[in-house]
Every structure is written in C-alpha cells, then in structure tokens.
C-alpha cells in the first residue's frame, strides 16, 4: 500500500499542473481570438508601441501641426528677390518659408531668415522671378556681420560694378 502513495502526485503538484494548463490554454485562446481588429481605438498609448511600427497611413498629418526643424542631415531654404534699379526697393518675390524677409540698404540686400544661418552654406545667382532671361552679371553672398540670421547679397554687372538686379538665394544648413 505504501508503494501506491509514492506514485500519487502531491496536492501542490496537482494545483501547479492545473494552473499551467489554464495559463497555456488562455494564451492559446488569446493568440487565436485577439488581433488588430479586436483592439479599440485610442486604447494603446504611444509609449507602448514598438519603435518604427507606424507608417504614414496610420498617422493623421492634419493633426500634427507645424513640425519644428527635425534633426536631419541638412535643411535647404531659398528666396527669390526682385531688386529693380533704384535704392531701397528690393522686395521678396517668393521664399521657402513665411518668415523670410528682404531689405535693401548699404549697397546690399539682406535676406533675413527666422533662425541663425551663420554656420550655413549659401549661394546666390542673378536671375528673376519670371521667365525672361536675366542680364549678364553675378551675385556675391556674405553672412551679415550685424545679424546672424541674415545673408547679404550684392549684385554686380558683367563689368564687376555694383548693379541692382534680381537674384535667387539658396541657404543650406546642417
């Protein structure tokens, strides 16, 4: 009789085996029945999502608002400036952003951006806002000594003399 009692599992072992079976059955049931369609909207917080699992399809870009400059390799900004032959009449024709301005004075047109551009690369060329061919000449750029947000542009004729003229400016920032 004593031999049979040794073969019987203890009550603790019976409870442990039952708990294991229930746990495995519950997990198997959940794996079969719960899918993406069973999750209610707005019940999972953004902090619980794995990185790089959302795509543009899942994101409503209308709700993002204005996104500040992200940490990417470069940012490119530009301005097209009309500068007819008269002092103080330069005007911005169009630009890559709403807070860019152009003011003429001291023999140059200063194009001001809403951020520091002193560490950026910049280049300007004589051109115009329309489709006509611009006059011969060139444009020179320099970071403004008075304003780190400004780029000074001087336009010159083909003879090298100062000459008011339309130009395009490109600024590339890290």
N, C-alpha and C. Protein backbone atom coordinates (compact mmCIF):
# COMPACT_ATOMS: atom_id res chain seq x y z
N UNK A 1 0.81 -1.18 0.00
CA UNK A 1 0.00 0.00 0.00
C UNK A 1 0.86 1.24 0.00
N UNK A 2 1.92 1.11 0.61
CA UNK A 2 2.82 2.23 0.72
C UNK A 2 3.38 2.62 -0.64
N UNK A 3 3.52 1.69 -1.52
CA UNK A 3 4.08 1.94 -2.84
C UNK A 3 3.14 2.83 -3.67
N UNK A 4 1.84 2.64 -3.54
CA UNK A 4 0.89 3.45 -4.29
C UNK A 4 0.92 4.92 -3.87
N UNK A 5 1.13 5.19 -2.63
CA UNK A 5 1.14 6.57 -2.17
C UNK A 5 2.35 7.32 -2.71
N UNK A 6 3.40 6.62 -2.97
CA UNK A 6 4.57 7.28 -3.54
C UNK A 6 4.33 7.67 -4.99
N UNK A 7 3.43 7.01 -5.66
CA UNK A 7 3.18 7.29 -7.07
C UNK A 7 2.19 8.43 -7.26
N UNK A 8 1.43 8.73 -6.24
CA UNK A 8 0.44 9.78 -6.34
C UNK A 8 1.11 11.14 -6.26
N UNK A 9 0.64 12.09 -7.11
CA UNK A 9 1.21 13.44 -7.02
C UNK A 9 0.67 14.15 -5.78
N UNK A 10 1.46 15.03 -5.28
CA UNK A 10 1.03 15.78 -4.10
C UNK A 10 -0.03 16.80 -4.52
N UNK A 11 -0.83 17.30 -3.55
CA UNK A 11 -1.83 18.31 -3.90
C UNK A 11 -1.21 19.56 -4.53
N UNK A 12 -0.04 19.94 -4.10
CA UNK A 12 0.63 21.11 -4.67
C UNK A 12 0.97 20.88 -6.14
N UNK A 13 1.38 19.66 -6.46
CA UNK A 13 1.71 19.34 -7.85
C UNK A 13 0.46 19.38 -8.71
N UNK A 14 -0.66 18.88 -8.20
CA UNK A 14 -1.92 18.90 -8.94
C UNK A 14 -2.33 20.34 -9.24
N UNK A 15 -2.24 21.21 -8.23
CA UNK A 15 -2.59 22.64 -8.41
C UNK A 15 -1.66 23.28 -9.43
N UNK A 16 -0.38 22.98 -9.39
CA UNK A 16 0.59 23.55 -10.32
C UNK A 16 0.31 23.12 -11.75
N UNK A 17 -0.02 21.85 -11.96
CA UNK A 17 -0.32 21.35 -13.30
C UNK A 17 -1.60 21.97 -13.83
N UNK A 18 -2.63 22.09 -12.99
CA UNK A 18 -3.88 22.73 -13.41
C UNK A 18 -3.62 24.19 -13.79
N UNK A 19 -2.83 24.91 -12.98
CA UNK A 19 -2.51 26.31 -13.28
C UNK A 19 -1.76 26.43 -14.60
N UNK A 20 -0.83 25.53 -14.86
CA UNK A 20 -0.08 25.55 -16.11
C UNK A 20 -0.98 25.32 -17.31
N UNK A 21 -1.90 24.35 -17.20
CA UNK A 21 -2.82 24.07 -18.30
C UNK A 21 -3.72 25.27 -18.57
N UNK A 22 -4.24 25.89 -17.51
CA UNK A 22 -5.12 27.06 -17.67
C UNK A 22 -4.35 28.21 -18.31
N UNK A 23 -3.13 28.44 -17.87
CA UNK A 23 -2.33 29.54 -18.43
C UNK A 23 -2.04 29.31 -19.90
N UNK A 24 -1.65 28.11 -20.27
CA UNK A 24 -1.36 27.82 -21.68
C UNK A 24 -2.62 27.90 -22.54
N UNK A 25 -3.73 27.44 -22.01
CA UNK A 25 -4.99 27.50 -22.76
C UNK A 25 -5.42 28.95 -22.95
N UNK A 26 -5.26 29.77 -21.91
CA UNK A 26 -5.62 31.19 -22.04
C UNK A 26 -4.77 31.90 -23.06
N UNK A 27 -3.47 31.63 -23.06
CA UNK A 27 -2.57 32.23 -24.03
C UNK A 27 -2.92 31.78 -25.44
N UNK A 28 -3.20 30.50 -25.61
CA UNK A 28 -3.56 29.99 -26.94
C UNK A 28 -4.87 30.61 -27.41
N UNK A 29 -5.83 30.73 -26.50
CA UNK A 29 -7.11 31.35 -26.85
C UNK A 29 -6.90 32.80 -27.27
N UNK A 30 -6.11 33.56 -26.50
CA UNK A 30 -5.86 34.97 -26.81
C UNK A 30 -5.15 35.12 -28.15
N UNK A 31 -4.20 34.24 -28.40
CA UNK A 31 -3.46 34.32 -29.67
C UNK A 31 -4.37 34.07 -30.86
N UNK A 32 -5.39 33.21 -30.69
CA UNK A 32 -6.29 32.90 -31.78
C UNK A 32 -7.38 33.94 -31.97
N UNK A 33 -7.82 34.58 -30.90
CA UNK A 33 -9.01 35.44 -30.99
C UNK A 33 -8.71 36.93 -30.96
N UNK A 34 -7.59 37.36 -30.39
CA UNK A 34 -7.29 38.81 -30.32
C UNK A 34 -6.36 39.17 -31.47
N UNK A 35 -6.80 40.12 -32.29
CA UNK A 35 -5.99 40.62 -33.40
C UNK A 35 -6.13 42.14 -33.45
N UNK A 36 -5.58 42.78 -34.43
CA UNK A 36 -5.65 44.23 -34.56
C UNK A 36 -7.07 44.76 -34.60
N UNK A 37 -8.00 43.97 -35.15
CA UNK A 37 -9.39 44.42 -35.24
C UNK A 37 -10.10 44.38 -33.90
N UNK A 38 -9.59 43.60 -32.94
CA UNK A 38 -10.22 43.49 -31.63
C UNK A 38 -9.80 44.62 -30.69
N UNK A 39 -8.77 45.39 -31.07
CA UNK A 39 -8.29 46.48 -30.21
C UNK A 39 -9.09 47.73 -30.52
N UNK A 40 -9.65 48.33 -29.47
CA UNK A 40 -10.44 49.55 -29.65
C UNK A 40 -9.51 50.74 -29.90
N UNK A 41 -9.99 51.72 -30.66
CA UNK A 41 -9.20 52.91 -30.97
C UNK A 41 -8.85 53.67 -29.70
N UNK A 42 -7.66 54.22 -29.69
CA UNK A 42 -7.13 55.06 -28.62
C UNK A 42 -7.07 54.35 -27.27
N UNK A 43 -6.85 53.03 -27.27
CA UNK A 43 -6.69 52.29 -26.02
C UNK A 43 -5.25 51.93 -25.74
N UNK A 44 -4.37 52.09 -26.73
CA UNK A 44 -2.95 51.81 -26.53
C UNK A 44 -2.20 53.12 -26.64
N UNK A 45 -1.46 53.48 -25.60
CA UNK A 45 -0.69 54.73 -25.59
C UNK A 45 0.50 54.67 -26.52
N UNK A 46 0.95 55.81 -26.98
CA UNK A 46 2.09 55.87 -27.89
C UNK A 46 3.37 55.31 -27.29
N UNK A 47 3.52 55.43 -25.98
CA UNK A 47 4.71 54.91 -25.32
C UNK A 47 4.79 53.40 -25.31
N UNK A 48 3.68 52.71 -25.56
CA UNK A 48 3.66 51.24 -25.55
C UNK A 48 3.89 50.64 -26.94
N UNK A 49 4.00 51.49 -27.96
CA UNK A 49 4.22 51.00 -29.32
C UNK A 49 5.71 50.75 -29.55
N UNK A 50 6.01 49.75 -30.34
CA UNK A 50 7.40 49.50 -30.70
C UNK A 50 7.86 50.59 -31.65
N UNK A 51 9.15 50.92 -31.59
CA UNK A 51 9.69 51.95 -32.47
C UNK A 51 9.60 51.51 -33.92
N UNK A 52 9.36 52.46 -34.79
CA UNK A 52 9.31 52.27 -36.24
C UNK A 52 8.21 51.30 -36.67
N UNK A 53 7.08 51.28 -35.95
CA UNK A 53 5.97 50.41 -36.35
C UNK A 53 4.85 51.18 -37.02
N UNK A 54 4.83 52.51 -36.90
CA UNK A 54 3.79 53.30 -37.54
C UNK A 54 4.27 53.79 -38.90
N UNK A 55 3.35 53.86 -39.84
CA UNK A 55 3.66 54.40 -41.15
C UNK A 55 2.79 55.63 -41.39
N UNK A 56 2.97 56.29 -42.52
CA UNK A 56 2.17 57.46 -42.84
C UNK A 56 0.69 57.14 -42.94
N UNK A 57 0.35 55.90 -43.20
CA UNK A 57 -1.05 55.50 -43.31
C UNK A 57 -1.75 55.62 -41.95
N UNK A 58 -1.05 55.29 -40.86
CA UNK A 58 -1.66 55.34 -39.54
C UNK A 58 -1.63 56.72 -38.90
N UNK A 59 -0.83 57.64 -39.43
CA UNK A 59 -0.67 58.96 -38.83
C UNK A 59 -1.51 59.98 -39.58
N UNK A 60 -2.33 60.73 -38.86
CA UNK A 60 -3.13 61.79 -39.44
C UNK A 60 -2.27 63.05 -39.45
N UNK A 61 -1.68 63.39 -40.59
CA UNK A 61 -0.77 64.53 -40.67
C UNK A 61 -1.47 65.86 -40.43
N UNK A 62 -2.79 65.92 -40.62
CA UNK A 62 -3.53 67.16 -40.35
C UNK A 62 -3.50 67.51 -38.87
N UNK A 63 -3.32 66.52 -38.02
CA UNK A 63 -3.32 66.77 -36.57
C UNK A 63 -1.91 67.05 -36.02
N UNK A 64 -0.88 66.95 -36.85
CA UNK A 64 0.47 67.18 -36.38
C UNK A 64 0.78 68.65 -36.13
N UNK A 65 0.20 69.55 -36.91
CA UNK A 65 0.54 70.96 -36.78
C UNK A 65 1.90 71.24 -37.40
N UNK A 66 2.48 72.36 -37.05
CA UNK A 66 3.78 72.73 -37.58
C UNK A 66 4.86 71.94 -36.85
N UNK A 67 5.67 71.24 -37.61
CA UNK A 67 6.74 70.44 -37.05
C UNK A 67 8.01 71.28 -37.09
N UNK A 68 8.69 71.46 -35.95
CA UNK A 68 9.93 72.23 -35.97
C UNK A 68 11.01 71.49 -36.75
N UNK A 69 12.10 72.19 -37.01
CA UNK A 69 13.18 71.57 -37.76
C UNK A 69 13.61 70.27 -37.08
N UNK A 70 13.54 69.21 -37.80
CA UNK A 70 13.93 67.91 -37.26
C UNK A 70 15.44 67.75 -37.39
N UNK A 71 15.99 66.82 -36.63
CA UNK A 71 17.43 66.58 -36.70
C UNK A 71 17.71 65.67 -37.89
N UNK A 72 17.90 66.29 -39.05
CA UNK A 72 18.27 65.55 -40.25
C UNK A 72 19.57 66.11 -40.77
N UNK A 73 20.08 65.53 -41.81
CA UNK A 73 21.39 65.92 -42.32
C UNK A 73 21.45 67.39 -42.73
N UNK A 74 20.51 67.86 -43.54
CA UNK A 74 20.55 69.25 -43.98
C UNK A 74 19.15 69.83 -44.11
N UNK A 75 19.11 71.14 -44.11
CA UNK A 75 17.88 71.89 -44.35
C UNK A 75 18.19 72.90 -45.44
N UNK A 76 17.35 72.98 -46.44
CA UNK A 76 17.56 73.90 -47.54
C UNK A 76 16.46 74.95 -47.55
N UNK A 77 16.87 76.22 -47.64
CA UNK A 77 15.95 77.35 -47.68
C UNK A 77 16.33 78.21 -48.88
N UNK A 78 15.38 78.96 -49.39
CA UNK A 78 15.66 79.77 -50.57
C UNK A 78 14.79 81.02 -50.58
N UNK A 79 15.23 81.98 -51.38
CA UNK A 79 14.47 83.22 -51.57
C UNK A 79 14.69 83.72 -52.99
N UNK A 80 13.63 84.27 -53.59
CA UNK A 80 13.70 84.93 -54.89
C UNK A 80 13.41 86.40 -54.63
N UNK A 81 14.35 87.27 -55.01
CA UNK A 81 14.24 88.69 -54.68
C UNK A 81 14.21 89.53 -55.95
N UNK A 82 13.24 90.41 -56.03
CA UNK A 82 13.17 91.42 -57.09
C UNK A 82 13.90 92.66 -56.58
N UNK A 83 14.85 93.16 -57.36
CA UNK A 83 15.65 94.33 -56.95
C UNK A 83 15.84 95.25 -58.15
N UNK A 84 14.81 96.05 -58.50
CA UNK A 84 14.94 96.97 -59.63
C UNK A 84 16.00 98.04 -59.38
N UNK A 85 16.42 98.68 -60.44
CA UNK A 85 17.49 99.68 -60.38
C UNK A 85 17.03 100.96 -59.69
N UNK A 86 17.04 100.97 -58.40
CA UNK A 86 16.78 102.13 -57.54
C UNK A 86 17.13 101.72 -56.13
N UNK A 87 17.64 102.62 -55.31
CA UNK A 87 18.00 102.23 -53.95
C UNK A 87 16.76 101.99 -53.08
N UNK A 88 16.84 100.98 -52.22
CA UNK A 88 15.82 100.73 -51.22
C UNK A 88 14.52 100.12 -51.70
N UNK A 89 14.50 99.51 -52.88
CA UNK A 89 13.23 98.98 -53.38
C UNK A 89 13.23 97.46 -53.59
N UNK A 90 14.17 96.76 -52.99
CA UNK A 90 14.19 95.30 -53.12
C UNK A 90 12.98 94.71 -52.40
N UNK A 91 12.41 93.68 -53.00
CA UNK A 91 11.24 93.03 -52.41
C UNK A 91 11.31 91.53 -52.65
N UNK A 92 10.84 90.80 -51.68
CA UNK A 92 10.80 89.34 -51.78
C UNK A 92 9.69 88.94 -52.75
N UNK A 93 10.03 88.16 -53.78
CA UNK A 93 9.03 87.67 -54.72
C UNK A 93 8.37 86.40 -54.17
N UNK A 94 9.18 85.49 -53.64
CA UNK A 94 8.68 84.27 -53.02
C UNK A 94 9.85 83.66 -52.24
N UNK A 95 9.50 82.76 -51.31
CA UNK A 95 10.54 82.15 -50.46
C UNK A 95 10.05 80.80 -49.96
N UNK A 96 10.97 80.05 -49.37
CA UNK A 96 10.64 78.71 -48.88
C UNK A 96 9.89 78.73 -47.56
N UNK A 97 9.76 79.88 -46.93
CA UNK A 97 9.06 79.96 -45.65
C UNK A 97 8.39 81.30 -45.47
N UNK A 98 7.44 81.39 -44.52
CA UNK A 98 6.69 82.63 -44.34
C UNK A 98 7.45 83.72 -43.61
N UNK A 99 8.48 83.39 -42.84
CA UNK A 99 9.17 84.39 -42.03
C UNK A 99 10.51 84.79 -42.62
N UNK A 100 10.60 84.87 -43.92
CA UNK A 100 11.81 85.30 -44.61
C UNK A 100 11.54 86.67 -45.19
N UNK A 101 12.50 87.60 -45.03
CA UNK A 101 12.31 88.98 -45.50
C UNK A 101 13.55 89.44 -46.25
N UNK A 102 13.36 90.45 -47.10
CA UNK A 102 14.47 91.04 -47.85
C UNK A 102 14.41 92.56 -47.70
N UNK A 103 15.55 93.17 -47.29
CA UNK A 103 15.63 94.61 -47.11
C UNK A 103 16.91 95.10 -47.78
N UNK A 104 16.78 96.18 -48.57
CA UNK A 104 17.94 96.73 -49.27
C UNK A 104 18.50 97.92 -48.50
N UNK A 105 19.83 97.97 -48.42
CA UNK A 105 20.48 99.10 -47.76
C UNK A 105 21.98 98.90 -47.72
N UNK A 106 22.74 99.99 -47.84
CA UNK A 106 24.19 99.91 -47.76
C UNK A 106 24.83 99.17 -48.92
N UNK A 107 24.21 99.20 -50.08
CA UNK A 107 24.77 98.55 -51.26
C UNK A 107 24.51 97.06 -51.34
N UNK A 108 23.70 96.54 -50.44
CA UNK A 108 23.41 95.10 -50.45
C UNK A 108 21.94 94.88 -50.09
N UNK A 109 21.46 93.71 -50.42
CA UNK A 109 20.13 93.27 -49.98
C UNK A 109 20.37 92.22 -48.91
N UNK A 110 19.80 92.46 -47.72
CA UNK A 110 19.93 91.48 -46.64
C UNK A 110 18.67 90.63 -46.61
N UNK A 111 18.84 89.33 -46.81
CA UNK A 111 17.74 88.38 -46.72
C UNK A 111 17.82 87.77 -45.33
N UNK A 112 16.75 87.95 -44.55
CA UNK A 112 16.74 87.51 -43.15
C UNK A 112 15.86 86.28 -43.00
N UNK A 113 16.38 85.30 -42.29
CA UNK A 113 15.69 84.04 -42.03
C UNK A 113 15.29 84.01 -40.55
N UNK A 114 14.34 83.16 -40.16
CA UNK A 114 13.89 83.13 -38.77
C UNK A 114 14.80 82.32 -37.83
N UNK A 115 16.04 82.10 -38.21
CA UNK A 115 16.98 81.33 -37.40
C UNK A 115 18.39 81.71 -37.81
N UNK A 116 19.36 81.31 -37.03
CA UNK A 116 20.76 81.63 -37.28
C UNK A 116 21.26 80.86 -38.51
N UNK A 117 21.80 81.59 -39.48
CA UNK A 117 22.32 80.97 -40.70
C UNK A 117 23.83 81.18 -40.84
N UNK A 118 24.48 81.59 -39.74
CA UNK A 118 25.92 81.90 -39.83
C UNK A 118 26.77 80.66 -40.08
N UNK A 119 26.29 79.47 -39.75
CA UNK A 119 27.05 78.24 -39.99
C UNK A 119 26.58 77.51 -41.24
N UNK A 120 25.79 78.17 -42.07
CA UNK A 120 25.21 77.54 -43.25
C UNK A 120 26.02 77.90 -44.50
N UNK A 121 25.88 77.08 -45.52
CA UNK A 121 26.44 77.41 -46.83
C UNK A 121 25.38 78.19 -47.60
N UNK A 122 25.81 79.15 -48.40
CA UNK A 122 24.86 79.94 -49.17
C UNK A 122 25.44 80.31 -50.52
N UNK A 123 24.55 80.47 -51.48
CA UNK A 123 24.96 80.85 -52.84
C UNK A 123 23.82 81.64 -53.48
N UNK A 124 24.19 82.63 -54.26
CA UNK A 124 23.19 83.43 -54.97
C UNK A 124 23.61 83.55 -56.43
N UNK A 125 22.63 83.74 -57.27
CA UNK A 125 22.88 83.93 -58.70
C UNK A 125 21.89 84.95 -59.21
N UNK A 126 22.32 85.73 -60.18
CA UNK A 126 21.39 86.68 -60.79
C UNK A 126 20.37 85.90 -61.59
N UNK A 127 19.13 86.22 -61.34
CA UNK A 127 18.02 85.60 -62.01
C UNK A 127 16.82 86.47 -61.71
N UNK A 128 15.66 86.10 -62.18
CA UNK A 128 14.47 86.90 -61.90
C UNK A 128 13.31 86.01 -61.51
N UNK A 129 12.21 86.62 -61.11
CA UNK A 129 11.06 85.86 -60.65
C UNK A 129 10.23 85.31 -61.80
N UNK A 130 10.47 85.79 -62.99
CA UNK A 130 9.66 85.37 -64.13
C UNK A 130 10.39 84.41 -65.04
N UNK A 131 10.04 84.49 -66.33
CA UNK A 131 10.63 83.56 -67.30
C UNK A 131 11.57 84.24 -68.28
N UNK A 132 11.74 85.57 -68.17
CA UNK A 132 12.65 86.27 -69.09
C UNK A 132 14.10 86.01 -68.69
N UNK A 133 15.00 86.16 -69.66
CA UNK A 133 16.42 85.92 -69.43
C UNK A 133 17.00 87.12 -68.66
N UNK A 134 17.70 86.87 -67.54
CA UNK A 134 18.28 87.98 -66.79
C UNK A 134 19.48 88.58 -67.50
N UNK A 135 19.82 89.82 -67.16
CA UNK A 135 21.02 90.47 -67.70
C UNK A 135 22.26 89.77 -67.21
N UNK A 136 23.35 89.94 -67.92
CA UNK A 136 24.62 89.33 -67.52
C UNK A 136 25.10 89.96 -66.21
N UNK A 137 25.81 89.18 -65.45
CA UNK A 137 26.36 89.66 -64.19
C UNK A 137 26.44 88.52 -63.19
N UNK A 138 26.72 88.88 -61.95
CA UNK A 138 26.82 87.86 -60.92
C UNK A 138 26.37 88.41 -59.59
N UNK A 139 26.28 87.52 -58.60
CA UNK A 139 25.87 87.90 -57.25
C UNK A 139 26.87 87.33 -56.26
N UNK A 140 27.13 88.10 -55.21
CA UNK A 140 28.02 87.66 -54.15
C UNK A 140 27.24 87.59 -52.84
N UNK A 141 27.59 86.61 -52.00
CA UNK A 141 26.91 86.47 -50.71
C UNK A 141 27.91 86.59 -49.57
N UNK A 142 27.40 87.00 -48.43
CA UNK A 142 28.19 87.08 -47.22
C UNK A 142 27.24 87.00 -46.03
N UNK A 143 27.65 86.28 -44.99
CA UNK A 143 26.85 86.28 -43.77
C UNK A 143 26.88 87.69 -43.19
N UNK A 144 25.74 88.18 -42.76
CA UNK A 144 25.64 89.53 -42.22
C UNK A 144 26.42 89.65 -40.91
N UNK A 145 27.27 90.66 -40.83
CA UNK A 145 28.02 90.89 -39.60
C UNK A 145 27.11 91.43 -38.50
N UNK A 146 26.04 92.11 -38.88
CA UNK A 146 25.13 92.71 -37.91
C UNK A 146 24.04 91.76 -37.42
N UNK A 147 23.73 90.71 -38.21
CA UNK A 147 22.62 89.84 -37.87
C UNK A 147 22.95 88.40 -38.26
N UNK A 148 23.09 87.47 -37.30
CA UNK A 148 23.42 86.09 -37.64
C UNK A 148 22.31 85.37 -38.42
N UNK A 149 21.13 85.97 -38.48
CA UNK A 149 20.02 85.39 -39.24
C UNK A 149 19.99 85.89 -40.68
N UNK A 150 20.91 86.77 -41.05
CA UNK A 150 20.86 87.39 -42.37
C UNK A 150 22.01 87.02 -43.29
N UNK A 151 21.69 86.99 -44.58
CA UNK A 151 22.68 86.82 -45.64
C UNK A 151 22.63 88.08 -46.50
N UNK A 152 23.78 88.72 -46.68
CA UNK A 152 23.87 89.91 -47.55
C UNK A 152 24.20 89.48 -48.96
N UNK A 153 23.46 90.04 -49.92
CA UNK A 153 23.69 89.71 -51.32
C UNK A 153 23.98 91.01 -52.06
N UNK A 154 25.10 91.02 -52.80
CA UNK A 154 25.46 92.16 -53.65
C UNK A 154 25.45 91.68 -55.10
N UNK A 155 24.73 92.39 -55.94
CA UNK A 155 24.68 92.03 -57.36
C UNK A 155 25.58 92.98 -58.13
N UNK A 156 26.24 92.44 -59.13
CA UNK A 156 27.18 93.22 -59.95
C UNK A 156 26.91 92.94 -61.43
N UNK A 157 27.24 93.90 -62.24
CA UNK A 157 27.11 93.75 -63.68
C UNK A 157 28.26 92.94 -64.23
N UNK A 158 28.24 92.70 -65.56
CA UNK A 158 29.30 91.88 -66.15
C UNK A 158 30.67 92.56 -66.08
N UNK A 159 30.67 93.91 -65.89
CA UNK A 159 31.94 94.64 -65.74
C UNK A 159 32.46 94.62 -64.31
N UNK A 160 31.69 94.06 -63.36
CA UNK A 160 32.11 93.96 -61.96
C UNK A 160 31.64 95.11 -61.09
N UNK A 161 30.98 96.11 -61.69
CA UNK A 161 30.49 97.24 -60.90
C UNK A 161 29.17 96.89 -60.22
N UNK A 162 28.92 97.53 -59.07
CA UNK A 162 27.65 97.32 -58.37
C UNK A 162 26.49 97.64 -59.30
N UNK A 163 25.47 96.80 -59.26
CA UNK A 163 24.31 96.99 -60.11
C UNK A 163 23.11 96.31 -59.44
N UNK A 164 22.05 97.08 -59.16
CA UNK A 164 20.85 96.47 -58.62
C UNK A 164 20.29 95.47 -59.63
N UNK A 165 19.99 94.27 -59.15
CA UNK A 165 19.46 93.23 -60.04
C UNK A 165 18.72 92.19 -59.21
N UNK A 166 17.80 91.49 -59.86
CA UNK A 166 17.07 90.39 -59.23
C UNK A 166 18.02 89.22 -59.01
N UNK A 167 17.72 88.42 -57.98
CA UNK A 167 18.57 87.26 -57.72
C UNK A 167 17.79 86.17 -57.00
N UNK A 168 18.37 84.97 -57.03
CA UNK A 168 17.88 83.82 -56.27
C UNK A 168 18.96 83.47 -55.25
N UNK A 169 18.54 83.16 -54.03
CA UNK A 169 19.46 82.80 -52.95
C UNK A 169 19.08 81.43 -52.41
N UNK A 170 20.09 80.57 -52.20
CA UNK A 170 19.89 79.26 -51.60
C UNK A 170 20.76 79.18 -50.37
N UNK A 171 20.21 78.71 -49.24
CA UNK A 171 20.94 78.53 -47.99
C UNK A 171 20.76 77.09 -47.55
N UNK A 172 21.88 76.41 -47.30
CA UNK A 172 21.86 75.01 -46.89
C UNK A 172 22.50 74.91 -45.51
N UNK A 173 21.73 74.45 -44.55
CA UNK A 173 22.20 74.40 -43.15
C UNK A 173 22.34 72.95 -42.68
N UNK A 174 23.31 72.72 -41.80
CA UNK A 174 23.46 71.38 -41.23
C UNK A 174 22.37 71.08 -40.22
